[in-house]
C-alpha cells in the first residue's frame, strides 16, 4: 500500500521531530536522509518522478524554513 504524499511528509516530519535539538544544518541533513530512505523504499509505488519531485519540493521548503 502506498502512502499519500501528505502522509510521506507527515512521516518525515514525525521522525525528524523525535531527535534531540540540533542545529538547522543537522536538522536539514536528517530531513534529507529520511527523504532518501522514503524514495529508495517507495519510488515504485508512485508514477514515474512523482515522489522524487515531491520530495525535492519538500526539502526546498524545509531549507527555507530552517533559513539555510
N, C-alpha and C. Protein backbone atom coordinates (compact mmCIF):
# COMPACT_ATOMS: atom_id res chain seq x y z
N UNK A 1 0.84 -1.19 0.00
CA UNK A 1 0.00 0.00 0.00
C UNK A 1 0.88 1.25 0.00
N UNK A 2 0.62 2.15 -0.90
CA UNK A 2 1.41 3.37 -0.93
C UNK A 2 0.73 4.45 -0.11
N UNK A 3 1.54 5.33 0.40
CA UNK A 3 1.03 6.45 1.20
C UNK A 3 0.74 7.62 0.28
N UNK A 4 -0.16 8.49 0.74
CA UNK A 4 -0.36 9.73 0.01
C UNK A 4 0.89 10.58 0.22
N UNK A 5 1.08 11.56 -0.62
CA UNK A 5 2.24 12.43 -0.47
C UNK A 5 2.19 13.19 0.85
N UNK A 6 1.00 13.52 1.29
CA UNK A 6 0.85 14.19 2.59
C UNK A 6 1.30 13.27 3.73
N UNK A 7 1.00 11.99 3.60
CA UNK A 7 1.42 11.02 4.61
C UNK A 7 2.94 10.85 4.60
N UNK A 8 3.54 10.94 3.43
CA UNK A 8 5.00 10.86 3.33
C UNK A 8 5.63 12.03 4.08
N UNK A 9 5.12 13.23 3.85
CA UNK A 9 5.63 14.42 4.54
C UNK A 9 5.44 14.30 6.05
N UNK A 10 4.27 13.83 6.47
CA UNK A 10 4.00 13.67 7.90
C UNK A 10 4.95 12.65 8.52
N UNK A 11 5.23 11.57 7.80
CA UNK A 11 6.16 10.55 8.28
C UNK A 11 7.55 11.15 8.50
N UNK A 12 8.02 11.90 7.54
CA UNK A 12 9.36 12.51 7.66
C UNK A 12 9.37 13.51 8.81
N UNK A 13 8.34 14.36 8.89
CA UNK A 13 8.27 15.33 9.98
C UNK A 13 8.25 14.65 11.34
N UNK A 14 7.44 13.61 11.46
CA UNK A 14 7.32 12.90 12.74
C UNK A 14 8.65 12.29 13.17
N UNK A 15 9.33 11.66 12.25
CA UNK A 15 10.60 11.02 12.59
C UNK A 15 11.73 12.02 12.78
N UNK A 16 11.63 13.18 12.20
CA UNK A 16 12.63 14.22 12.41
C UNK A 16 12.45 14.87 13.77
N UNK A 17 11.21 15.01 14.19
CA UNK A 17 10.93 15.66 15.48
C UNK A 17 11.29 14.78 16.66
N UNK A 18 11.55 13.51 16.43
CA UNK A 18 11.89 12.59 17.51
C UNK A 18 13.33 12.77 17.99
N UNK A 19 14.11 13.53 17.25
CA UNK A 19 15.52 13.73 17.62
C UNK A 19 15.68 14.87 18.61
N UNK A 20 16.74 14.79 19.41
CA UNK A 20 17.02 15.92 20.30
C UNK A 20 17.35 17.18 19.49
N UNK A 21 17.33 18.29 20.12
CA UNK A 21 17.61 19.57 19.47
C UNK A 21 18.92 19.52 18.70
N UNK A 22 18.87 20.02 17.48
CA UNK A 22 20.05 20.03 16.61
C UNK A 22 20.16 21.40 15.95
N UNK A 23 21.31 21.63 15.33
CA UNK A 23 21.48 22.85 14.55
C UNK A 23 20.58 22.76 13.31
N UNK A 24 20.26 23.90 12.71
CA UNK A 24 19.45 23.86 11.48
C UNK A 24 20.08 22.98 10.39
N UNK A 25 21.37 23.05 10.24
CA UNK A 25 22.04 22.22 9.21
C UNK A 25 21.87 20.73 9.52
N UNK A 26 22.03 20.36 10.77
CA UNK A 26 21.84 18.95 11.16
C UNK A 26 20.39 18.51 10.96
N UNK A 27 19.46 19.41 11.27
CA UNK A 27 18.05 19.09 11.05
C UNK A 27 17.78 18.84 9.57
N UNK A 28 18.29 19.72 8.72
CA UNK A 28 18.09 19.56 7.29
C UNK A 28 18.69 18.25 6.79
N UNK A 29 19.89 17.94 7.25
CA UNK A 29 20.54 16.69 6.83
C UNK A 29 19.71 15.48 7.24
N UNK A 30 19.07 15.55 8.39
CA UNK A 30 18.22 14.45 8.81
C UNK A 30 16.96 14.36 7.94
N UNK A 31 16.35 15.51 7.63
CA UNK A 31 15.22 15.51 6.69
C UNK A 31 15.63 14.87 5.37
N UNK A 32 16.80 15.26 4.90
CA UNK A 32 17.30 14.75 3.62
C UNK A 32 17.52 13.23 3.68
N UNK A 33 18.10 12.76 4.76
CA UNK A 33 18.35 11.33 4.93
C UNK A 33 17.03 10.55 4.93
N UNK A 34 16.03 11.06 5.64
CA UNK A 34 14.73 10.39 5.67
C UNK A 34 14.06 10.43 4.30
N UNK A 35 14.17 11.54 3.60
CA UNK A 35 13.57 11.64 2.27
C UNK A 35 14.21 10.63 1.32
N UNK A 36 15.51 10.47 1.38
CA UNK A 36 16.20 9.49 0.54
C UNK A 36 15.75 8.08 0.87
N UNK A 37 15.59 7.79 2.16
CA UNK A 37 15.14 6.46 2.57
C UNK A 37 13.73 6.18 2.05
N UNK A 38 12.86 7.17 2.13
CA UNK A 38 11.49 7.01 1.62
C UNK A 38 11.53 6.80 0.11
N UNK A 39 12.33 7.60 -0.58
CA UNK A 39 12.43 7.46 -2.03
C UNK A 39 12.93 6.08 -2.42
N UNK A 40 13.96 5.61 -1.74
CA UNK A 40 14.52 4.28 -2.03
C UNK A 40 13.51 3.17 -1.80
N UNK A 41 12.69 3.31 -0.77
CA UNK A 41 11.78 2.21 -0.43
C UNK A 41 10.42 2.29 -1.11
N UNK A 42 10.03 3.48 -1.58
CA UNK A 42 8.67 3.62 -2.09
C UNK A 42 8.56 4.19 -3.50
N UNK A 43 9.69 4.38 -4.19
CA UNK A 43 9.64 5.03 -5.50
C UNK A 43 8.75 4.32 -6.50
N UNK A 44 8.66 2.99 -6.40
CA UNK A 44 7.87 2.24 -7.38
C UNK A 44 6.36 2.24 -7.05
N UNK A 45 5.96 2.87 -5.96
CA UNK A 45 4.55 2.96 -5.59
C UNK A 45 3.87 4.20 -6.17
N UNK A 46 4.62 5.02 -6.91
CA UNK A 46 4.11 6.28 -7.45
C UNK A 46 4.44 6.37 -8.93
N UNK A 47 3.68 7.16 -9.67
CA UNK A 47 4.03 7.37 -11.08
C UNK A 47 5.45 7.92 -11.19
N UNK A 48 6.09 7.61 -12.29
CA UNK A 48 7.49 7.98 -12.51
C UNK A 48 7.76 9.45 -12.21
N UNK A 49 8.67 9.69 -11.30
CA UNK A 49 9.11 11.04 -10.94
C UNK A 49 8.25 11.77 -9.93
N UNK A 50 7.06 11.27 -9.64
CA UNK A 50 6.14 11.98 -8.75
C UNK A 50 6.69 12.11 -7.34
N UNK A 51 7.14 11.00 -6.77
CA UNK A 51 7.66 11.04 -5.40
C UNK A 51 8.95 11.85 -5.34
N UNK A 52 9.83 11.67 -6.31
CA UNK A 52 11.09 12.42 -6.33
C UNK A 52 10.83 13.93 -6.39
N UNK A 53 9.93 14.35 -7.28
CA UNK A 53 9.61 15.77 -7.39
C UNK A 53 9.01 16.31 -6.10
N UNK A 54 8.11 15.54 -5.50
CA UNK A 54 7.51 15.95 -4.24
C UNK A 54 8.57 16.12 -3.16
N UNK A 55 9.47 15.15 -3.05
CA UNK A 55 10.49 15.20 -2.00
C UNK A 55 11.47 16.34 -2.24
N UNK A 56 11.78 16.64 -3.48
CA UNK A 56 12.67 17.77 -3.77
C UNK A 56 12.01 19.08 -3.33
N UNK A 57 10.72 19.23 -3.62
CA UNK A 57 9.99 20.43 -3.18
C UNK A 57 9.90 20.49 -1.66
N UNK A 58 9.65 19.34 -1.05
CA UNK A 58 9.57 19.25 0.42
C UNK A 58 10.89 19.71 1.04
N UNK A 59 11.99 19.21 0.51
CA UNK A 59 13.30 19.58 1.06
C UNK A 59 13.62 21.05 0.82
N UNK A 60 13.22 21.60 -0.31
CA UNK A 60 13.43 23.02 -0.58
C UNK A 60 12.66 23.87 0.42
N UNK A 61 11.45 23.45 0.73
CA UNK A 61 10.64 24.16 1.73
C UNK A 61 11.30 24.08 3.11
N UNK A 62 11.78 22.92 3.49
CA UNK A 62 12.44 22.76 4.79
C UNK A 62 13.70 23.63 4.85
N UNK A 63 14.43 23.69 3.75
CA UNK A 63 15.64 24.50 3.71
C UNK A 63 15.29 25.98 3.98
N UNK A 64 14.24 26.47 3.36
CA UNK A 64 13.80 27.86 3.59
C UNK A 64 13.33 28.05 5.02
N UNK A 65 12.56 27.09 5.55
CA UNK A 65 12.06 27.19 6.92
C UNK A 65 13.20 27.24 7.93
N UNK A 66 14.29 26.54 7.63
CA UNK A 66 15.44 26.49 8.54
C UNK A 66 16.42 27.63 8.27
N UNK A 67 16.08 28.49 7.31
CA UNK A 67 16.92 29.65 6.94
C UNK A 67 18.31 29.23 6.49
N UNK A 68 18.37 28.20 5.68
CA UNK A 68 19.65 27.74 5.16
C UNK A 68 19.87 28.22 3.74
